[in-house]
Amino acid sequence: MDKSKRTFLKSKRSFRKRLPPIQSGDRIDYKNMSLISRFISEQGKILSRRVNRLTLKQQRLITVAIKQARILSLLPFLNNEKQFERTESTTRTPSLRARKR
């Protein structure tokens, strides 16, 4: 077998089939916090469909459920651990416009 033909052969590695993140019995609802929290990043952002490995319909339902939970204050809109603190770099500087008298 030539080297040029050998590169086009598929590798015979076996891949482990991943389980779907949402089982058939799971109900996608704004009250199901254990399910919803799996699809939110540490910053509070909704993770993409590619990262979640969800179908389009499941992703839409998850997005609607997360937004409903945020509106009802079950989830925060932002999940910042640190409170905003003023540092020297963010302190106000005197205005550039000089007051004309």
C-alpha atoms as a PDB file:
ATOM      1  CA  MET A   1       0.000   0.000   0.000  1.00  0.00           C
ATOM      2  CA  ASP A   2       1.331   3.418  -0.964  1.00  0.00           C
ATOM      3  CA  LYS A   3       1.896   6.101   1.606  1.00  0.00           C
ATOM      4  CA  SER A   4      -0.421   8.451  -0.256  1.00  0.00           C
ATOM      5  CA  LYS A   5      -3.351   6.030   0.023  1.00  0.00           C
ATOM      6  CA  ARG A   6      -2.655   5.268   3.678  1.00  0.00           C
ATOM      7  CA  THR A   7      -3.480   8.813   4.793  1.00  0.00           C
ATOM      8  CA  PHE A   8      -7.049   8.569   3.527  1.00  0.00           C
ATOM      9  CA  LEU A   9      -7.958   5.485   5.533  1.00  0.00           C
ATOM     10  CA  LYS A  10     -10.181   6.080   8.512  1.00  0.00           C
ATOM     11  CA  SER A  11      -8.752   5.330  11.886  1.00  0.00           C
ATOM     12  CA  LYS A  12     -10.331   2.404  13.683  1.00  0.00           C
ATOM     13  CA  ARG A  13     -10.673   4.113  17.051  1.00  0.00           C
ATOM     14  CA  SER A  14     -13.866   3.413  18.886  1.00  0.00           C
ATOM     15  CA  PHE A  15     -15.687   6.436  20.201  1.00  0.00           C
ATOM     16  CA  ARG A  16     -17.729   6.382  23.353  1.00  0.00           C
ATOM     17  CA  LYS A  17     -21.308   7.389  22.709  1.00  0.00           C
ATOM     18  CA  ARG A  18     -22.132  10.398  24.842  1.00  0.00           C
ATOM     19  CA  LEU A  19     -25.306  10.387  26.796  1.00  0.00           C
ATOM     20  CA  PRO A  20     -27.720  13.200  26.009  1.00  0.00           C
ATOM     21  CA  PRO A  21     -27.716  15.905  28.683  1.00  0.00           C
ATOM     22  CA  ILE A  22     -31.513  15.845  28.948  1.00  0.00           C
ATOM     23  CA  GLN A  23     -33.163  12.499  29.558  1.00  0.00           C
ATOM     24  CA  SER A  24     -36.578  11.709  28.123  1.00  0.00           C
ATOM     25  CA  GLY A  25     -38.204  11.970  31.561  1.00  0.00           C
ATOM     26  CA  ASP A  26     -36.732  15.390  32.377  1.00  0.00           C
ATOM     27  CA  ARG A  27     -39.198  18.223  32.164  1.00  0.00           C
ATOM     28  CA  ILE A  28     -37.831  21.506  30.828  1.00  0.00           C
ATOM     29  CA  ASP A  29     -39.471  24.035  33.095  1.00  0.00           C
ATOM     30  CA  TYR A  30     -38.467  27.242  34.854  1.00  0.00           C
ATOM     31  CA  LYS A  31     -39.089  25.531  38.218  1.00  0.00           C
ATOM     32  CA  ASN A  32     -36.625  22.699  37.496  1.00  0.00           C
ATOM     33  CA  MET A  33     -33.573  24.527  38.836  1.00  0.00           C
ATOM     34  CA  SER A  34     -31.295  21.473  38.933  1.00  0.00           C
ATOM     35  CA  LEU A  35     -31.756  21.013  35.191  1.00  0.00           C
ATOM     36  CA  ILE A  36     -31.554  24.686  34.254  1.00  0.00           C
ATOM     37  CA  SER A  37     -28.402  25.376  36.261  1.00  0.00           C
ATOM     38  CA  ARG A  38     -26.451  22.846  34.165  1.00  0.00           C
ATOM     39  CA  PHE A  39     -26.867  25.040  31.083  1.00  0.00           C
ATOM     40  CA  ILE A  40     -25.645  28.309  32.588  1.00  0.00           C
ATOM     41  CA  SER A  41     -22.001  29.365  32.741  1.00  0.00           C
ATOM     42  CA  GLU A  42     -20.294  30.564  35.909  1.00  0.00           C
ATOM     43  CA  GLN A  43     -20.906  34.133  34.783  1.00  0.00           C
ATOM     44  CA  GLY A  44     -24.638  33.513  34.376  1.00  0.00           C
ATOM     45  CA  LYS A  45     -24.648  33.280  30.582  1.00  0.00           C
ATOM     46  CA  ILE A  46     -26.687  30.712  28.684  1.00  0.00           C
ATOM     47  CA  LEU A  47     -24.332  28.179  27.135  1.00  0.00           C
ATOM     48  CA  SER A  48     -24.489  27.555  23.396  1.00  0.00           C
ATOM     49  CA  ARG A  49     -26.156  24.597  21.798  1.00  0.00           C
ATOM     50  CA  ARG A  50     -22.845  23.180  20.625  1.00  0.00           C
ATOM     51  CA  VAL A  51     -21.453  23.187  24.154  1.00  0.00           C
ATOM     52  CA  ASN A  52     -24.650  21.751  25.646  1.00  0.00           C
ATOM     53  CA  ARG A  53     -25.104  19.073  22.953  1.00  0.00           C
ATOM     54  CA  LEU A  54     -28.826  19.850  22.773  1.00  0.00           C
ATOM     55  CA  THR A  55     -31.241  19.719  19.901  1.00  0.00           C
ATOM     56  CA  LEU A  56     -32.597  22.989  18.544  1.00  0.00           C
ATOM     57  CA  LYS A  57     -35.969  22.458  20.189  1.00  0.00           C
ATOM     58  CA  GLN A  58     -34.399  21.595  23.555  1.00  0.00           C
ATOM     59  CA  GLN A  59     -32.135  24.665  23.402  1.00  0.00           C
ATOM     60  CA  ARG A  60     -35.109  26.934  22.723  1.00  0.00           C
ATOM     61  CA  LEU A  61     -37.043  25.445  25.637  1.00  0.00           C
ATOM     62  CA  ILE A  62     -34.036  25.773  27.962  1.00  0.00           C
ATOM     63  CA  THR A  63     -33.540  29.408  26.900  1.00  0.00           C
ATOM     64  CA  VAL A  64     -37.193  30.265  27.558  1.00  0.00           C
ATOM     65  CA  ALA A  65     -37.090  28.488  30.933  1.00  0.00           C
ATOM     66  CA  ILE A  66     -33.910  30.345  31.982  1.00  0.00           C
ATOM     67  CA  LYS A  67     -35.381  33.694  30.989  1.00  0.00           C
ATOM     68  CA  GLN A  68     -38.604  32.974  32.893  1.00  0.00           C
ATOM     69  CA  ALA A  69     -36.608  31.959  35.965  1.00  0.00           C
ATOM     70  CA  ARG A  70     -34.596  35.186  35.749  1.00  0.00           C
ATOM     71  CA  ILE A  71     -37.731  37.314  35.517  1.00  0.00           C
ATOM     72  CA  LEU A  72     -39.250  35.543  38.528  1.00  0.00           C
ATOM     73  CA  SER A  73     -35.985  36.092  40.469  1.00  0.00           C
ATOM     74  CA  LEU A  74     -35.231  32.387  40.721  1.00  0.00           C
ATOM     75  CA  LEU A  75     -31.962  32.963  38.863  1.00  0.00           C
ATOM     76  CA  PRO A  76     -29.742  36.043  38.838  1.00  0.00           C
ATOM     77  CA  PHE A  77     -29.235  37.921  35.593  1.00  0.00           C
ATOM     78  CA  LEU A  78     -25.540  38.227  36.421  1.00  0.00           C
ATOM     79  CA  ASN A  79     -23.607  35.821  38.560  1.00  0.00           C
ATOM     80  CA  ASN A  80     -20.711  37.976  39.693  1.00  0.00           C
ATOM     81  CA  GLU A  81     -18.950  36.657  42.758  1.00  0.00           C
ATOM     82  CA  LYS A  82     -17.032  39.878  43.301  1.00  0.00           C
ATOM     83  CA  GLN A  83     -18.852  43.071  44.049  1.00  0.00           C
ATOM     84  CA  PHE A  84     -17.841  46.071  42.028  1.00  0.00           C
ATOM     85  CA  GLU A  85     -15.047  47.794  43.865  1.00  0.00           C
ATOM     86  CA  ARG A  86     -13.401  51.022  42.942  1.00  0.00           C
ATOM     87  CA  THR A  87      -9.717  50.811  42.419  1.00  0.00           C
ATOM     88  CA  GLU A  88      -7.255  53.517  41.594  1.00  0.00           C
ATOM     89  CA  SER A  89      -7.509  52.794  37.885  1.00  0.00           C
ATOM     90  CA  THR A  90     -11.294  53.282  37.856  1.00  0.00           C
ATOM     91  CA  THR A  91     -11.521  56.380  40.046  1.00  0.00           C
ATOM     92  CA  ARG A  92     -12.869  59.498  38.470  1.00  0.00           C
ATOM     93  CA  THR A  93     -10.490  61.946  36.970  1.00  0.00           C
ATOM     94  CA  PRO A  94     -11.141  65.665  36.972  1.00  0.00           C
ATOM     95  CA  SER A  95     -13.196  66.687  34.002  1.00  0.00           C
ATOM     96  CA  LEU A  96     -11.286  67.733  30.949  1.00  0.00           C
ATOM     97  CA  ARG A  97     -13.495  70.707  30.372  1.00  0.00           C
ATOM     98  CA  ALA A  98     -12.372  73.632  32.449  1.00  0.00           C
ATOM     99  CA  ARG A  99     -15.114  75.742  33.872  1.00  0.00           C
ATOM    100  CA  LYS A 100     -15.241  79.045  32.002  1.00  0.00           C
ATOM    101  CA  ARG A 101     -15.884  82.125  34.092  1.00  0.00           C
END
